[in-house]
């Protein structure tokens, strides 16, 4: 099972590299425009409020606040891994953003956002951060109903954050997919390392 996580990590990283290559070669334009038009065609008061709110869950300030709260409440090794996941996610995302240097969409924005576009930092953080909480929920919560409810909510948050970046007009669909793939690759690698070297009985 542990080796399976390592193989999946490699698979998602390879998928990320393929998406990055397609972006650099300009081969995702048609795909990006089709998804962009489909999503913004759903704009309305309710979805505006929902996606502008949900996208803030992956803002740096929000992540720092939740990390600090989690560390203060639990002070265990899971807290350390959560911090490592968040910091590494930010560093990896910044590195690849400066490698690709893709400009963001400029039309029909609902929020202001600077920096480069690929890969989406919010989508990547959604996976690395809330994905780690999902891993904890699946492995730590004993009550089946509660475990499924928490897991469903976390999956909804992860997916909604990705869609929100396209909806508010600051990312292309390929940015989000790239962020998801790189995020899953790193998260699975982190979990692999944790399960291989983590000593129980903290």
N, C-alpha and C. Protein backbone atom coordinates (compact mmCIF):
# COMPACT_ATOMS: atom_id res chain seq x y z
N UNK A 1 0.83 -1.21 0.00
CA UNK A 1 0.00 0.00 0.00
C UNK A 1 0.86 1.26 0.00
N UNK A 2 1.94 1.23 0.79
CA UNK A 2 2.83 2.40 0.85
C UNK A 2 3.50 2.64 -0.50
N UNK A 3 3.96 1.54 -1.14
CA UNK A 3 4.59 1.66 -2.44
C UNK A 3 3.61 2.16 -3.49
N UNK A 4 2.33 1.80 -3.31
CA UNK A 4 1.29 2.27 -4.22
C UNK A 4 1.18 3.79 -4.17
N UNK A 5 1.29 4.35 -2.97
CA UNK A 5 1.25 5.81 -2.82
C UNK A 5 2.43 6.45 -3.53
N UNK A 6 3.60 5.83 -3.45
CA UNK A 6 4.79 6.36 -4.11
C UNK A 6 4.62 6.32 -5.63
N UNK A 7 4.07 5.23 -6.13
CA UNK A 7 3.83 5.11 -7.57
C UNK A 7 2.80 6.14 -8.05
N UNK A 8 1.74 6.33 -7.24
CA UNK A 8 0.74 7.33 -7.59
C UNK A 8 1.32 8.74 -7.56
N UNK A 9 2.22 8.98 -6.61
CA UNK A 9 2.90 10.27 -6.55
C UNK A 9 3.68 10.54 -7.83
N UNK A 10 4.41 9.53 -8.28
CA UNK A 10 5.18 9.65 -9.53
C UNK A 10 4.26 9.85 -10.73
N UNK A 11 3.12 9.13 -10.73
CA UNK A 11 2.15 9.25 -11.83
C UNK A 11 1.61 10.68 -11.92
N UNK A 12 1.21 11.24 -10.78
CA UNK A 12 0.66 12.60 -10.79
C UNK A 12 1.72 13.63 -11.16
N UNK A 13 2.97 13.39 -10.76
CA UNK A 13 4.03 14.32 -11.14
C UNK A 13 4.29 14.27 -12.64
N UNK A 14 4.25 13.07 -13.21
CA UNK A 14 4.41 12.93 -14.66
C UNK A 14 3.27 13.62 -15.39
N UNK A 15 2.06 13.45 -14.86
CA UNK A 15 0.89 14.11 -15.45
C UNK A 15 1.04 15.62 -15.38
N UNK A 16 1.55 16.10 -14.26
CA UNK A 16 1.81 17.54 -14.11
C UNK A 16 2.81 18.03 -15.16
N UNK A 17 3.88 17.29 -15.36
CA UNK A 17 4.90 17.68 -16.33
C UNK A 17 4.32 17.72 -17.75
N UNK A 18 3.43 16.78 -18.06
CA UNK A 18 2.78 16.77 -19.38
C UNK A 18 1.91 18.01 -19.56
N UNK A 19 1.12 18.33 -18.53
CA UNK A 19 0.28 19.53 -18.59
C UNK A 19 1.14 20.77 -18.72
N UNK A 20 2.23 20.84 -17.96
CA UNK A 20 3.13 21.99 -18.03
C UNK A 20 3.71 22.14 -19.43
N UNK A 21 4.12 21.04 -20.03
CA UNK A 21 4.66 21.08 -21.39
C UNK A 21 3.61 21.58 -22.38
N UNK A 22 2.39 21.10 -22.26
CA UNK A 22 1.31 21.54 -23.14
C UNK A 22 1.03 23.03 -22.97
N UNK A 23 1.10 23.51 -21.74
CA UNK A 23 0.89 24.93 -21.47
C UNK A 23 2.00 25.76 -22.10
N UNK A 24 3.23 25.34 -21.91
CA UNK A 24 4.38 26.06 -22.47
C UNK A 24 4.31 26.11 -24.00
N UNK A 25 3.84 25.02 -24.61
CA UNK A 25 3.73 24.95 -26.07
C UNK A 25 2.46 25.62 -26.60
N UNK A 26 1.62 26.09 -25.70
CA UNK A 26 0.39 26.76 -26.10
C UNK A 26 -0.68 25.84 -26.65
N UNK A 27 -0.69 24.60 -26.19
CA UNK A 27 -1.63 23.61 -26.72
C UNK A 27 -2.91 23.49 -25.91
N UNK A 28 -3.06 24.29 -24.88
CA UNK A 28 -4.25 24.16 -24.02
C UNK A 28 -5.27 25.29 -24.24
N UNK A 29 -5.03 26.15 -25.21
CA UNK A 29 -5.88 27.34 -25.40
C UNK A 29 -7.34 26.99 -25.63
N UNK A 30 -7.60 26.07 -26.55
CA UNK A 30 -8.98 25.69 -26.84
C UNK A 30 -9.68 25.08 -25.64
N UNK A 31 -8.99 24.19 -24.96
CA UNK A 31 -9.52 23.56 -23.76
C UNK A 31 -9.81 24.59 -22.68
N UNK A 32 -8.85 25.49 -22.45
CA UNK A 32 -9.01 26.52 -21.42
C UNK A 32 -10.19 27.43 -21.71
N UNK A 33 -10.32 27.84 -22.96
CA UNK A 33 -11.42 28.75 -23.32
C UNK A 33 -12.78 28.08 -23.19
N UNK A 34 -12.86 26.82 -23.58
CA UNK A 34 -14.13 26.10 -23.50
C UNK A 34 -14.59 25.97 -22.04
N UNK A 35 -13.66 25.57 -21.16
CA UNK A 35 -14.01 25.42 -19.74
C UNK A 35 -14.31 26.78 -19.12
N UNK A 36 -13.53 27.78 -19.48
CA UNK A 36 -13.72 29.13 -18.94
C UNK A 36 -15.11 29.66 -19.28
N UNK A 37 -15.49 29.54 -20.55
CA UNK A 37 -16.78 30.05 -20.99
C UNK A 37 -17.93 29.28 -20.34
N UNK A 38 -17.76 27.97 -20.18
CA UNK A 38 -18.81 27.15 -19.56
C UNK A 38 -19.02 27.54 -18.10
N UNK A 39 -17.93 27.81 -17.40
CA UNK A 39 -18.04 28.13 -15.97
C UNK A 39 -18.56 29.54 -15.74
N UNK A 40 -18.05 30.52 -16.47
CA UNK A 40 -18.51 31.90 -16.23
C UNK A 40 -19.93 32.11 -16.73
N UNK A 41 -20.43 31.23 -17.59
CA UNK A 41 -21.80 31.35 -18.05
C UNK A 41 -22.79 31.05 -16.91
N UNK A 42 -22.28 30.45 -15.84
CA UNK A 42 -23.12 30.12 -14.68
C UNK A 42 -23.12 31.22 -13.63
N UNK A 43 -22.47 32.33 -13.92
CA UNK A 43 -22.37 33.40 -12.92
C UNK A 43 -23.74 33.96 -12.53
N UNK A 44 -23.87 34.22 -11.25
CA UNK A 44 -25.09 34.79 -10.69
C UNK A 44 -24.81 35.15 -9.25
N UNK A 45 -25.74 35.77 -8.59
CA UNK A 45 -25.52 36.26 -7.23
C UNK A 45 -25.09 35.16 -6.26
N UNK A 46 -25.78 34.02 -6.30
CA UNK A 46 -25.46 32.94 -5.38
C UNK A 46 -24.07 32.39 -5.62
N UNK A 47 -23.77 32.05 -6.88
CA UNK A 47 -22.47 31.48 -7.19
C UNK A 47 -21.34 32.50 -7.01
N UNK A 48 -21.62 33.76 -7.28
CA UNK A 48 -20.62 34.81 -7.02
C UNK A 48 -20.23 34.79 -5.56
N UNK A 49 -21.22 34.80 -4.67
CA UNK A 49 -20.96 34.78 -3.24
C UNK A 49 -20.24 33.50 -2.83
N UNK A 50 -20.72 32.35 -3.32
CA UNK A 50 -20.15 31.06 -2.93
C UNK A 50 -18.69 30.95 -3.33
N UNK A 51 -18.38 31.22 -4.58
CA UNK A 51 -17.02 31.00 -5.06
C UNK A 51 -16.04 32.09 -4.60
N UNK A 52 -16.50 33.31 -4.44
CA UNK A 52 -15.63 34.36 -3.90
C UNK A 52 -15.30 34.04 -2.44
N UNK A 53 -16.25 33.47 -1.72
CA UNK A 53 -16.02 33.07 -0.33
C UNK A 53 -15.13 31.85 -0.25
N UNK A 54 -15.45 30.82 -1.02
CA UNK A 54 -14.72 29.55 -0.94
C UNK A 54 -13.27 29.70 -1.37
N UNK A 55 -13.00 30.60 -2.31
CA UNK A 55 -11.63 30.75 -2.79
C UNK A 55 -10.72 31.31 -1.70
N UNK A 56 -11.32 32.02 -0.74
CA UNK A 56 -10.54 32.59 0.36
C UNK A 56 -10.03 31.52 1.32
N UNK A 57 -10.61 30.33 1.27
CA UNK A 57 -10.17 29.25 2.16
C UNK A 57 -8.75 28.78 1.84
N UNK A 58 -8.26 29.13 0.66
CA UNK A 58 -6.89 28.76 0.30
C UNK A 58 -5.96 29.97 0.25
N UNK A 59 -6.45 31.13 0.73
CA UNK A 59 -5.58 32.30 0.84
C UNK A 59 -4.51 32.06 1.90
N UNK A 60 -3.37 32.69 1.75
CA UNK A 60 -2.25 32.49 2.67
C UNK A 60 -2.64 32.80 4.12
N UNK A 61 -3.35 33.90 4.32
CA UNK A 61 -3.75 34.31 5.68
C UNK A 61 -4.63 33.25 6.32
N UNK A 62 -5.58 32.72 5.55
CA UNK A 62 -6.49 31.70 6.07
C UNK A 62 -5.73 30.43 6.44
N UNK A 63 -4.82 30.01 5.57
CA UNK A 63 -4.03 28.80 5.82
C UNK A 63 -3.17 28.96 7.06
N UNK A 64 -2.51 30.10 7.20
CA UNK A 64 -1.68 30.35 8.38
C UNK A 64 -2.51 30.29 9.65
N UNK A 65 -3.70 30.90 9.62
CA UNK A 65 -4.58 30.91 10.80
C UNK A 65 -4.98 29.49 11.19
N UNK A 66 -5.39 28.67 10.20
CA UNK A 66 -5.82 27.30 10.51
C UNK A 66 -4.65 26.45 11.00
N UNK A 67 -3.48 26.63 10.39
CA UNK A 67 -2.29 25.88 10.82
C UNK A 67 -1.95 26.21 12.27
N UNK A 68 -1.91 27.51 12.60
CA UNK A 68 -1.59 27.92 13.96
C UNK A 68 -2.61 27.37 14.96
N UNK A 69 -3.89 27.42 14.57
CA UNK A 69 -4.95 26.91 15.45
C UNK A 69 -4.78 25.41 15.67
N UNK A 70 -4.48 24.68 14.58
CA UNK A 70 -4.30 23.22 14.67
C UNK A 70 -3.09 22.88 15.55
N UNK A 71 -2.01 23.64 15.37
CA UNK A 71 -0.80 23.40 16.16
C UNK A 71 -1.06 23.67 17.64
N UNK A 72 -1.76 24.76 17.94
CA UNK A 72 -2.04 25.10 19.33
C UNK A 72 -2.97 24.10 19.99
N UNK A 73 -3.92 23.57 19.22
CA UNK A 73 -4.89 22.64 19.77
C UNK A 73 -4.33 21.24 20.00
N UNK A 74 -3.49 20.77 19.06
CA UNK A 74 -3.08 19.37 19.12
C UNK A 74 -1.60 19.16 19.47
N UNK A 75 -0.73 19.98 18.97
CA UNK A 75 0.70 19.90 19.29
C UNK A 75 1.25 18.47 19.16
N UNK A 76 0.97 17.84 18.04
CA UNK A 76 1.48 16.50 17.80
C UNK A 76 2.22 16.46 16.46
N UNK A 77 2.61 15.25 16.06
CA UNK A 77 3.38 15.14 14.83
C UNK A 77 2.55 15.41 13.58
N UNK A 78 1.23 15.21 13.68
CA UNK A 78 0.37 15.57 12.56
C UNK A 78 0.40 17.08 12.32
N UNK A 79 0.53 17.84 13.38
CA UNK A 79 0.66 19.30 13.25
C UNK A 79 1.93 19.65 12.47
N UNK A 80 3.01 18.95 12.78
CA UNK A 80 4.27 19.19 12.09
C UNK A 80 4.15 18.87 10.61
N UNK A 81 3.52 17.74 10.28
CA UNK A 81 3.35 17.38 8.88
C UNK A 81 2.45 18.36 8.15
N UNK A 82 1.46 18.91 8.84
CA UNK A 82 0.58 19.91 8.23
C UNK A 82 1.36 21.18 7.90
N UNK A 83 2.23 21.59 8.81
CA UNK A 83 3.09 22.76 8.56
C UNK A 83 4.02 22.50 7.39
N UNK A 84 4.66 21.33 7.39
CA UNK A 84 5.58 20.97 6.30
C UNK A 84 4.85 20.95 4.96
N UNK A 85 3.66 20.36 4.94
CA UNK A 85 2.87 20.29 3.71
C UNK A 85 2.55 21.68 3.17
N UNK A 86 2.14 22.58 4.05
CA UNK A 86 1.76 23.94 3.64
C UNK A 86 2.96 24.73 3.12
N UNK A 87 4.07 24.67 3.85
CA UNK A 87 5.27 25.43 3.47
C UNK A 87 5.85 24.89 2.15
N UNK A 88 5.97 23.57 2.05
CA UNK A 88 6.52 22.97 0.84
C UNK A 88 5.64 23.24 -0.37
N UNK A 89 4.32 23.23 -0.16
CA UNK A 89 3.38 23.53 -1.23
C UNK A 89 3.63 24.93 -1.77
N UNK A 90 3.79 25.89 -0.88
CA UNK A 90 4.03 27.27 -1.28
C UNK A 90 5.35 27.41 -2.04
N UNK A 91 6.39 26.75 -1.55
CA UNK A 91 7.70 26.83 -2.20
C UNK A 91 7.67 26.19 -3.59
N UNK A 92 7.09 24.99 -3.68
CA UNK A 92 7.01 24.29 -4.96
C UNK A 92 6.22 25.09 -5.98
N UNK A 93 5.10 25.63 -5.54
CA UNK A 93 4.26 26.41 -6.44
C UNK A 93 4.99 27.64 -6.96
N UNK A 94 5.69 28.32 -6.07
CA UNK A 94 6.44 29.52 -6.47
C UNK A 94 7.53 29.17 -7.48
N UNK A 95 8.23 28.07 -7.25
CA UNK A 95 9.30 27.65 -8.17
C UNK A 95 8.76 27.41 -9.57
N UNK A 96 7.67 26.64 -9.67
CA UNK A 96 7.13 26.31 -10.99
C UNK A 96 6.46 27.51 -11.64
N UNK A 97 5.88 28.42 -10.84
CA UNK A 97 5.32 29.64 -11.40
C UNK A 97 6.40 30.45 -12.12
N UNK A 98 7.58 30.54 -11.52
CA UNK A 98 8.66 31.32 -12.11
C UNK A 98 9.36 30.58 -13.25
N UNK A 99 9.21 29.26 -13.29
CA UNK A 99 9.74 28.51 -14.43
C UNK A 99 8.87 28.74 -15.66
N UNK A 100 7.54 28.67 -15.49
CA UNK A 100 6.62 28.78 -16.61
C UNK A 100 6.31 30.24 -16.96
N UNK A 101 6.13 31.08 -15.95
CA UNK A 101 5.85 32.51 -16.13
C UNK A 101 4.64 32.77 -17.04
N UNK A 102 3.57 32.09 -16.77
CA UNK A 102 2.35 32.27 -17.56
C UNK A 102 1.51 33.42 -17.01
N UNK A 103 1.04 34.28 -17.89
CA UNK A 103 0.21 35.41 -17.47
C UNK A 103 -1.20 34.92 -17.13
N UNK A 104 -1.83 35.61 -16.21
CA UNK A 104 -3.19 35.26 -15.81
C UNK A 104 -4.20 35.76 -16.85
N UNK A 105 -5.41 35.19 -16.83
CA UNK A 105 -6.49 35.76 -17.66
C UNK A 105 -6.76 37.19 -17.22
N UNK A 106 -7.13 38.04 -18.15
CA UNK A 106 -7.33 39.45 -17.82
C UNK A 106 -8.80 39.88 -17.90
N UNK A 107 -9.65 39.04 -18.49
CA UNK A 107 -11.04 39.44 -18.72
C UNK A 107 -11.98 38.95 -17.62
N UNK A 108 -13.00 39.76 -17.35
CA UNK A 108 -14.12 39.36 -16.49
C UNK A 108 -13.69 38.87 -15.11
N UNK A 109 -12.73 39.54 -14.51
CA UNK A 109 -12.31 39.15 -13.17
C UNK A 109 -13.30 39.64 -12.11
N UNK A 110 -13.51 38.80 -11.10
CA UNK A 110 -14.34 39.20 -9.97
C UNK A 110 -13.50 39.62 -8.78
N UNK A 111 -12.22 39.24 -8.77
CA UNK A 111 -11.31 39.63 -7.70
C UNK A 111 -9.98 40.07 -8.31
N UNK A 112 -9.17 40.72 -7.50
CA UNK A 112 -7.84 41.14 -7.94
C UNK A 112 -6.81 40.09 -7.52
N UNK A 113 -5.90 39.73 -8.42
CA UNK A 113 -4.88 38.73 -8.11
C UNK A 113 -3.64 39.00 -8.95
N UNK A 114 -2.48 39.09 -8.29
CA UNK A 114 -1.23 39.32 -9.01
C UNK A 114 -0.47 38.03 -9.21
N UNK A 115 0.75 38.14 -9.74
CA UNK A 115 1.62 36.99 -9.91
C UNK A 115 1.32 36.20 -11.17
N UNK A 116 2.02 35.09 -11.32
CA UNK A 116 1.86 34.23 -12.49
C UNK A 116 0.73 33.24 -12.28
N UNK A 117 0.36 32.56 -13.37
CA UNK A 117 -0.86 31.78 -13.39
C UNK A 117 -0.67 30.27 -13.19
N UNK A 118 0.39 29.70 -13.78
CA UNK A 118 0.55 28.24 -13.75
C UNK A 118 1.69 27.82 -12.84
N UNK A 119 1.45 26.82 -11.98
CA UNK A 119 0.16 26.17 -11.67
C UNK A 119 -0.61 26.97 -10.63
N UNK A 120 -1.88 26.71 -10.50
CA UNK A 120 -2.70 27.43 -9.53
C UNK A 120 -2.25 27.12 -8.11
N UNK A 121 -1.85 28.15 -7.39
CA UNK A 121 -1.43 27.96 -6.00
C UNK A 121 -2.58 27.58 -5.09
N UNK A 122 -3.76 28.14 -5.36
CA UNK A 122 -4.92 27.82 -4.54
C UNK A 122 -5.35 26.36 -4.73
N UNK A 123 -5.34 25.90 -5.98
CA UNK A 123 -5.71 24.50 -6.24
C UNK A 123 -4.71 23.56 -5.60
N UNK A 124 -3.44 23.91 -5.70
CA UNK A 124 -2.40 23.07 -5.11
C UNK A 124 -2.50 23.06 -3.59
N UNK A 125 -2.73 24.23 -3.00
CA UNK A 125 -2.86 24.32 -1.56
C UNK A 125 -4.11 23.58 -1.08
N UNK A 126 -5.17 23.63 -1.88
CA UNK A 126 -6.39 22.91 -1.52
C UNK A 126 -6.11 21.43 -1.33
N UNK A 127 -5.29 20.87 -2.24
CA UNK A 127 -4.95 19.45 -2.17
C UNK A 127 -3.96 19.17 -1.04
N UNK A 128 -2.88 19.95 -0.97
CA UNK A 128 -1.84 19.70 0.04
C UNK A 128 -2.36 19.93 1.46
N UNK A 129 -3.16 20.95 1.64
CA UNK A 129 -3.62 21.33 2.98
C UNK A 129 -4.90 20.59 3.37
N UNK A 130 -5.98 20.83 2.62
CA UNK A 130 -7.24 20.17 2.96
C UNK A 130 -7.18 18.68 2.62
N UNK A 131 -6.32 18.31 1.66
CA UNK A 131 -6.13 16.90 1.37
C UNK A 131 -5.47 16.17 2.53
N UNK A 132 -4.59 16.86 3.26
CA UNK A 132 -3.98 16.24 4.43
C UNK A 132 -5.01 16.06 5.53
N UNK A 133 -5.91 17.03 5.68
CA UNK A 133 -7.01 16.86 6.63
C UNK A 133 -7.91 15.69 6.22
N UNK A 134 -8.10 15.52 4.92
CA UNK A 134 -8.89 14.40 4.42
C UNK A 134 -8.22 13.08 4.80
N UNK A 135 -6.91 13.03 4.64
CA UNK A 135 -6.14 11.84 5.02
C UNK A 135 -6.31 11.55 6.52
N UNK A 136 -6.24 12.59 7.34
CA UNK A 136 -6.42 12.42 8.79
C UNK A 136 -7.83 11.95 9.11
N UNK A 137 -8.82 12.51 8.41
CA UNK A 137 -10.20 12.11 8.66
C UNK A 137 -10.41 10.63 8.34
N UNK A 138 -9.84 10.18 7.23
CA UNK A 138 -10.01 8.80 6.81
C UNK A 138 -9.27 7.81 7.70
N UNK A 139 -8.20 8.26 8.34
CA UNK A 139 -7.38 7.35 9.14
C UNK A 139 -7.58 7.49 10.65
N UNK A 140 -8.15 8.62 11.09
CA UNK A 140 -8.25 8.86 12.53
C UNK A 140 -9.68 8.79 13.08
N UNK A 141 -10.68 9.15 12.26
CA UNK A 141 -12.05 9.20 12.77
C UNK A 141 -12.64 7.79 12.78
N UNK A 142 -13.05 7.37 13.95
CA UNK A 142 -13.55 6.01 14.12
C UNK A 142 -15.01 5.86 13.67
N UNK A 143 -15.85 6.84 13.99
CA UNK A 143 -17.27 6.77 13.63
C UNK A 143 -17.43 6.87 12.11
N UNK A 144 -18.03 5.84 11.52
CA UNK A 144 -18.11 5.76 10.06
C UNK A 144 -18.92 6.91 9.45
N UNK A 145 -20.07 7.21 10.04
CA UNK A 145 -20.94 8.27 9.50
C UNK A 145 -20.24 9.62 9.57
N UNK A 146 -19.65 9.91 10.72
CA UNK A 146 -18.93 11.18 10.89
C UNK A 146 -17.74 11.26 9.95
N UNK A 147 -17.02 10.14 9.79
CA UNK A 147 -15.86 10.09 8.90
C UNK A 147 -16.27 10.40 7.46
N UNK A 148 -17.37 9.81 7.01
CA UNK A 148 -17.84 10.03 5.64
C UNK A 148 -18.32 11.47 5.44
N UNK A 149 -18.99 12.02 6.46
CA UNK A 149 -19.49 13.40 6.35
C UNK A 149 -18.33 14.40 6.26
N UNK A 150 -17.33 14.24 7.13
CA UNK A 150 -16.17 15.12 7.12
C UNK A 150 -15.40 14.97 5.80
N UNK A 151 -15.23 13.75 5.35
CA UNK A 151 -14.52 13.49 4.10
C UNK A 151 -15.23 14.13 2.92
N UNK A 152 -16.57 14.00 2.89
CA UNK A 152 -17.35 14.61 1.81
C UNK A 152 -17.18 16.13 1.78
N UNK A 153 -17.24 16.75 2.96
CA UNK A 153 -17.09 18.20 3.04
C UNK A 153 -15.71 18.66 2.57
N UNK A 154 -14.67 17.91 2.94
CA UNK A 154 -13.31 18.26 2.55
C UNK A 154 -13.12 18.08 1.04
N UNK A 155 -13.68 17.03 0.47
CA UNK A 155 -13.61 16.84 -0.98
C UNK A 155 -14.33 17.97 -1.70
N UNK A 156 -15.49 18.36 -1.15
CA UNK A 156 -16.25 19.48 -1.73
C UNK A 156 -15.44 20.77 -1.70
N UNK A 157 -14.76 21.02 -0.59
CA UNK A 157 -13.91 22.22 -0.46
C UNK A 157 -12.79 22.19 -1.49
N UNK A 158 -12.10 21.04 -1.62
CA UNK A 158 -10.99 20.91 -2.55
C UNK A 158 -11.45 21.17 -3.99
N UNK A 159 -12.55 20.56 -4.38
CA UNK A 159 -13.06 20.75 -5.74
C UNK A 159 -13.57 22.17 -5.96
N UNK A 160 -14.26 22.71 -4.96
CA UNK A 160 -14.82 24.06 -5.09
C UNK A 160 -13.74 25.12 -5.21
N UNK A 161 -12.66 24.96 -4.48
CA UNK A 161 -11.56 25.93 -4.57
C UNK A 161 -10.98 25.95 -5.99
N UNK A 162 -10.80 24.77 -6.57
CA UNK A 162 -10.29 24.71 -7.94
C UNK A 162 -11.21 25.39 -8.93
N UNK A 163 -12.50 25.07 -8.85
CA UNK A 163 -13.48 25.69 -9.75
C UNK A 163 -13.55 27.19 -9.52
N UNK A 164 -13.43 27.60 -8.27
CA UNK A 164 -13.53 29.03 -7.93
C UNK A 164 -12.48 29.86 -8.62
N UNK A 165 -11.29 29.30 -8.83
CA UNK A 165 -10.21 30.07 -9.45
C UNK A 165 -10.52 30.40 -10.90
N UNK A 166 -11.25 29.51 -11.56
CA UNK A 166 -11.69 29.78 -12.94
C UNK A 166 -12.89 30.72 -12.90
N UNK A 167 -13.81 30.47 -11.98
CA UNK A 167 -15.04 31.25 -11.88
C UNK A 167 -14.76 32.73 -11.64
N UNK A 168 -13.82 33.03 -10.74
CA UNK A 168 -13.53 34.44 -10.43
C UNK A 168 -12.60 35.07 -11.47
N UNK A 169 -12.13 34.27 -12.44
CA UNK A 169 -11.42 34.82 -13.58
C UNK A 169 -9.93 35.03 -13.42
N UNK A 170 -9.29 34.32 -12.48
CA UNK A 170 -7.85 34.55 -12.27
C UNK A 170 -6.99 33.35 -12.70
N UNK A 171 -7.63 32.28 -13.19
CA UNK A 171 -6.88 31.12 -13.64
C UNK A 171 -7.54 30.45 -14.83
N UNK A 172 -6.71 29.77 -15.62
CA UNK A 172 -7.20 28.91 -16.68
C UNK A 172 -7.44 27.51 -16.09
N UNK A 173 -8.24 26.70 -16.78
CA UNK A 173 -8.51 25.34 -16.33
C UNK A 173 -7.23 24.51 -16.24
N UNK A 174 -6.31 24.71 -17.16
CA UNK A 174 -5.05 23.96 -17.13
C UNK A 174 -4.19 24.35 -15.94
N UNK A 175 -4.33 25.58 -15.46
CA UNK A 175 -3.63 26.00 -14.23
C UNK A 175 -4.12 25.19 -13.04
N UNK A 176 -5.44 25.03 -12.98
CA UNK A 176 -6.06 24.31 -11.87
C UNK A 176 -5.69 22.83 -11.92
N UNK A 177 -5.78 22.24 -13.11
CA UNK A 177 -5.41 20.83 -13.26
C UNK A 177 -3.94 20.61 -12.91
N UNK A 178 -3.09 21.53 -13.35
CA UNK A 178 -1.67 21.44 -13.01
C UNK A 178 -1.45 21.54 -11.51
N UNK A 179 -2.18 22.46 -10.85
CA UNK A 179 -2.07 22.61 -9.41
C UNK A 179 -2.54 21.38 -8.67
N UNK A 180 -3.65 20.81 -9.14
CA UNK A 180 -4.15 19.57 -8.53
C UNK A 180 -3.14 18.43 -8.66
N UNK A 181 -2.60 18.25 -9.86
CA UNK A 181 -1.66 17.14 -10.09
C UNK A 181 -0.39 17.29 -9.26
N UNK A 182 0.17 18.49 -9.23
CA UNK A 182 1.38 18.71 -8.43
C UNK A 182 1.07 18.57 -6.95
N UNK A 183 -0.11 19.04 -6.55
CA UNK A 183 -0.52 18.92 -5.15
C UNK A 183 -0.69 17.46 -4.74
N UNK A 184 -1.38 16.67 -5.56
CA UNK A 184 -1.55 15.26 -5.25
C UNK A 184 -0.22 14.53 -5.23
N UNK A 185 0.67 14.86 -6.15
CA UNK A 185 1.98 14.23 -6.19
C UNK A 185 2.74 14.48 -4.89
N UNK A 186 2.74 15.72 -4.44
CA UNK A 186 3.46 16.04 -3.21
C UNK A 186 2.78 15.43 -1.98
N UNK A 187 1.44 15.54 -1.92
CA UNK A 187 0.70 15.02 -0.76
C UNK A 187 0.92 13.51 -0.60
N UNK A 188 0.85 12.77 -1.69
CA UNK A 188 1.06 11.33 -1.63
C UNK A 188 2.48 10.99 -1.21
N UNK A 189 3.44 11.79 -1.67
CA UNK A 189 4.84 11.58 -1.26
C UNK A 189 4.99 11.85 0.23
N UNK A 190 4.37 12.90 0.72
CA UNK A 190 4.43 13.23 2.14
C UNK A 190 3.81 12.12 3.00
N UNK A 191 2.65 11.62 2.57
CA UNK A 191 1.99 10.54 3.30
C UNK A 191 2.84 9.28 3.27
N UNK A 192 3.47 9.01 2.13
CA UNK A 192 4.36 7.85 2.01
C UNK A 192 5.51 7.95 3.02
N UNK A 193 6.13 9.12 3.09
CA UNK A 193 7.24 9.33 4.03
C UNK A 193 6.74 9.21 5.46
N UNK A 194 5.58 9.80 5.74
CA UNK A 194 5.01 9.76 7.10
C UNK A 194 4.75 8.31 7.53
N UNK A 195 4.13 7.53 6.66
CA UNK A 195 3.78 6.16 7.02
C UNK A 195 4.99 5.24 7.09
N UNK A 196 6.05 5.58 6.35
CA UNK A 196 7.24 4.75 6.34
C UNK A 196 8.15 5.03 7.53
N UNK A 197 8.25 6.31 7.93
CA UNK A 197 9.21 6.67 8.97
C UNK A 197 8.58 7.19 10.25
N UNK A 198 7.26 7.39 10.23
CA UNK A 198 6.57 7.94 11.40
C UNK A 198 6.44 6.86 12.47
N UNK A 199 6.88 7.16 13.67
CA UNK A 199 6.81 6.22 14.78
C UNK A 199 5.54 6.51 15.58
N UNK A 200 4.67 5.53 15.70
CA UNK A 200 3.42 5.71 16.44
C UNK A 200 3.68 5.78 17.93
N UNK A 201 2.70 6.34 18.59
CA UNK A 201 2.82 6.48 20.04
C UNK A 201 3.42 7.81 20.41
N UNK A 202 2.90 8.87 19.74
CA UNK A 202 3.43 10.21 19.99
C UNK A 202 3.06 10.69 21.38
